[in-house]
Protein backbone atom coordinates (compact mmCIF):
# COMPACT_ATOMS: atom_id res chain seq x y z
CA UNK A 1 59.92 72.95 -22.95
CA UNK A 2 61.94 76.43 -23.22
CA UNK A 3 62.79 76.80 -19.95
CA UNK A 4 64.14 73.16 -19.67
CA UNK A 5 66.43 73.50 -22.30
CA UNK A 6 67.73 77.04 -21.70
CA UNK A 7 70.50 76.06 -19.05
CA UNK A 8 72.03 74.26 -21.71
CA UNK A 9 72.54 77.41 -23.83
CA UNK A 10 73.18 79.54 -21.02
CA UNK A 11 75.84 77.60 -18.74
CA UNK A 12 78.62 75.13 -19.14
CA UNK A 13 77.91 71.51 -18.52
CA UNK A 14 80.21 71.73 -15.40
CA UNK A 15 78.34 74.80 -13.83
CA UNK A 16 75.06 72.79 -14.55
CA UNK A 17 76.07 69.96 -12.79
CA UNK A 18 77.59 71.68 -9.69
CA UNK A 19 74.91 74.48 -9.40
CA UNK A 20 71.37 72.81 -9.57
CA UNK A 21 69.69 75.22 -7.02
CA UNK A 22 70.76 78.07 -9.55
CA UNK A 23 69.86 76.22 -12.70
CA UNK A 24 66.52 75.38 -10.94
CA UNK A 25 65.73 78.81 -10.19
CA UNK A 26 66.64 80.48 -13.58
CA UNK A 27 64.68 77.60 -15.09
CA UNK A 28 61.60 78.54 -13.06
CA UNK A 29 62.01 82.12 -13.53
CA UNK A 30 62.11 81.75 -17.34
CA UNK A 31 59.30 79.13 -17.00
CA UNK A 32 56.96 81.76 -15.31
CA UNK A 33 56.94 84.07 -18.41
CA UNK A 34 54.85 83.42 -21.28
CA UNK A 35 55.90 81.72 -24.14
CA UNK A 36 54.72 84.40 -26.40
CA UNK A 37 56.81 86.74 -24.99
CA UNK A 38 59.93 84.69 -25.23
CA UNK A 39 59.31 83.89 -28.60
CA UNK A 40 58.64 87.65 -29.39
CA UNK A 41 61.99 88.76 -27.47
CA UNK A 42 63.80 85.89 -29.59
CA UNK A 43 62.45 87.14 -32.72
CA UNK A 44 63.15 90.80 -31.83
CA UNK A 45 66.75 89.85 -31.20
CA UNK A 46 67.08 88.12 -34.11
CA UNK A 47 65.99 90.69 -36.39
CA UNK A 48 68.16 93.58 -34.81
CA UNK A 49 70.94 94.15 -36.79
CA UNK A 50 73.13 96.91 -35.29
CA UNK A 51 76.56 96.19 -36.72
CA UNK A 52 76.67 99.24 -38.72
CA UNK A 53 75.96 101.23 -35.87
CA UNK A 54 78.86 100.07 -33.70
CA UNK A 55 81.27 102.24 -35.49
CA UNK A 56 79.20 105.25 -34.24
CA UNK A 57 80.02 104.26 -30.46
CA UNK A 58 82.63 106.82 -29.11
CA UNK A 59 82.58 106.04 -25.57
CA UNK A 60 84.54 103.35 -23.66
CA UNK A 61 82.95 99.91 -24.02
CA UNK A 62 83.80 96.71 -22.25
CA UNK A 63 82.75 93.66 -24.28
CA UNK A 64 82.73 90.51 -22.04
CA UNK A 65 82.42 87.40 -23.99
CA UNK A 66 82.12 83.82 -23.02
CA UNK A 67 84.57 81.34 -24.35
CA UNK A 68 82.16 78.59 -24.56
CA UNK A 69 78.99 80.73 -25.26
CA UNK A 70 77.24 79.27 -28.48
CA UNK A 71 74.72 82.30 -28.69
CA UNK A 72 77.01 85.16 -28.51
CA UNK A 73 80.56 83.87 -29.53
CA UNK A 74 83.86 85.01 -29.07
CA UNK A 75 83.96 85.95 -32.78
CA UNK A 76 80.95 88.28 -32.11
CA UNK A 77 82.96 89.95 -29.28
CA UNK A 78 85.99 90.23 -31.47
CA UNK A 79 83.82 91.51 -34.42
CA UNK A 80 82.40 94.19 -31.72
CA UNK A 81 85.63 95.08 -30.76
CA UNK A 82 87.23 95.83 -34.26
CA UNK A 83 84.01 98.15 -34.83
CA UNK A 84 84.04 100.02 -31.47
CA UNK A 85 87.12 102.04 -31.56
CA UNK A 86 88.98 101.81 -28.43
CA UNK A 87 86.83 99.02 -26.92
CA UNK A 88 88.28 96.08 -24.79
CA UNK A 89 87.42 92.60 -25.27
CA UNK A 90 87.60 90.35 -22.19
CA UNK A 91 86.99 86.45 -22.55
CA UNK A 92 85.66 84.56 -19.67
CA UNK A 93 85.84 80.61 -19.30
CA UNK A 94 81.76 80.37 -19.39
CA UNK A 95 78.99 80.32 -21.71
CA UNK A 96 76.16 82.85 -21.97
CA UNK A 97 75.48 84.21 -18.74
CA UNK A 98 79.09 84.90 -17.41
CA UNK A 99 78.23 86.96 -14.48
CA UNK A 100 76.36 83.98 -12.94
CA UNK A 101 78.78 81.36 -14.05
CA UNK A 102 82.00 83.15 -13.25
CA UNK A 103 81.03 85.98 -10.99
CA UNK A 104 84.47 86.82 -9.86
CA UNK A 105 86.12 86.97 -13.37
CA UNK A 106 83.02 88.99 -14.54
CA UNK A 107 83.31 91.40 -11.72
CA UNK A 108 87.06 91.72 -11.99
CA UNK A 109 86.74 92.49 -15.52
CA UNK A 110 84.29 95.17 -14.89
CA UNK A 111 86.00 96.78 -11.87
CA UNK A 112 89.32 97.09 -13.97
CA UNK A 113 87.38 98.52 -16.92
CA UNK A 114 85.81 101.04 -14.64
CA UNK A 115 89.20 101.85 -12.74
CA UNK A 116 91.04 102.20 -15.88
């Protein structure tokens, strides 16, 4: 059940419709894991509140936010950018797994950040 609903949280509908093989592979990979392990991971992430520690980061940081991400929103990225001095925020027209959904835009953002 988790694997069958994950794609809707991780990708936009157009990507899901036009990339069934990618969705099937990722769903199968997720389904191969234990439900308990997935639930424990979700619980750990839900309890991890590192907002106060963000301001302690003193190295260059690139934050990539998917404009259509219902999980980690652009507003979350903006919060991180405001808390991390000198950080850079790039928004990509994608959902949660933007490196798969929009690999060229993702790679370009990373390359430009590294070269800066």
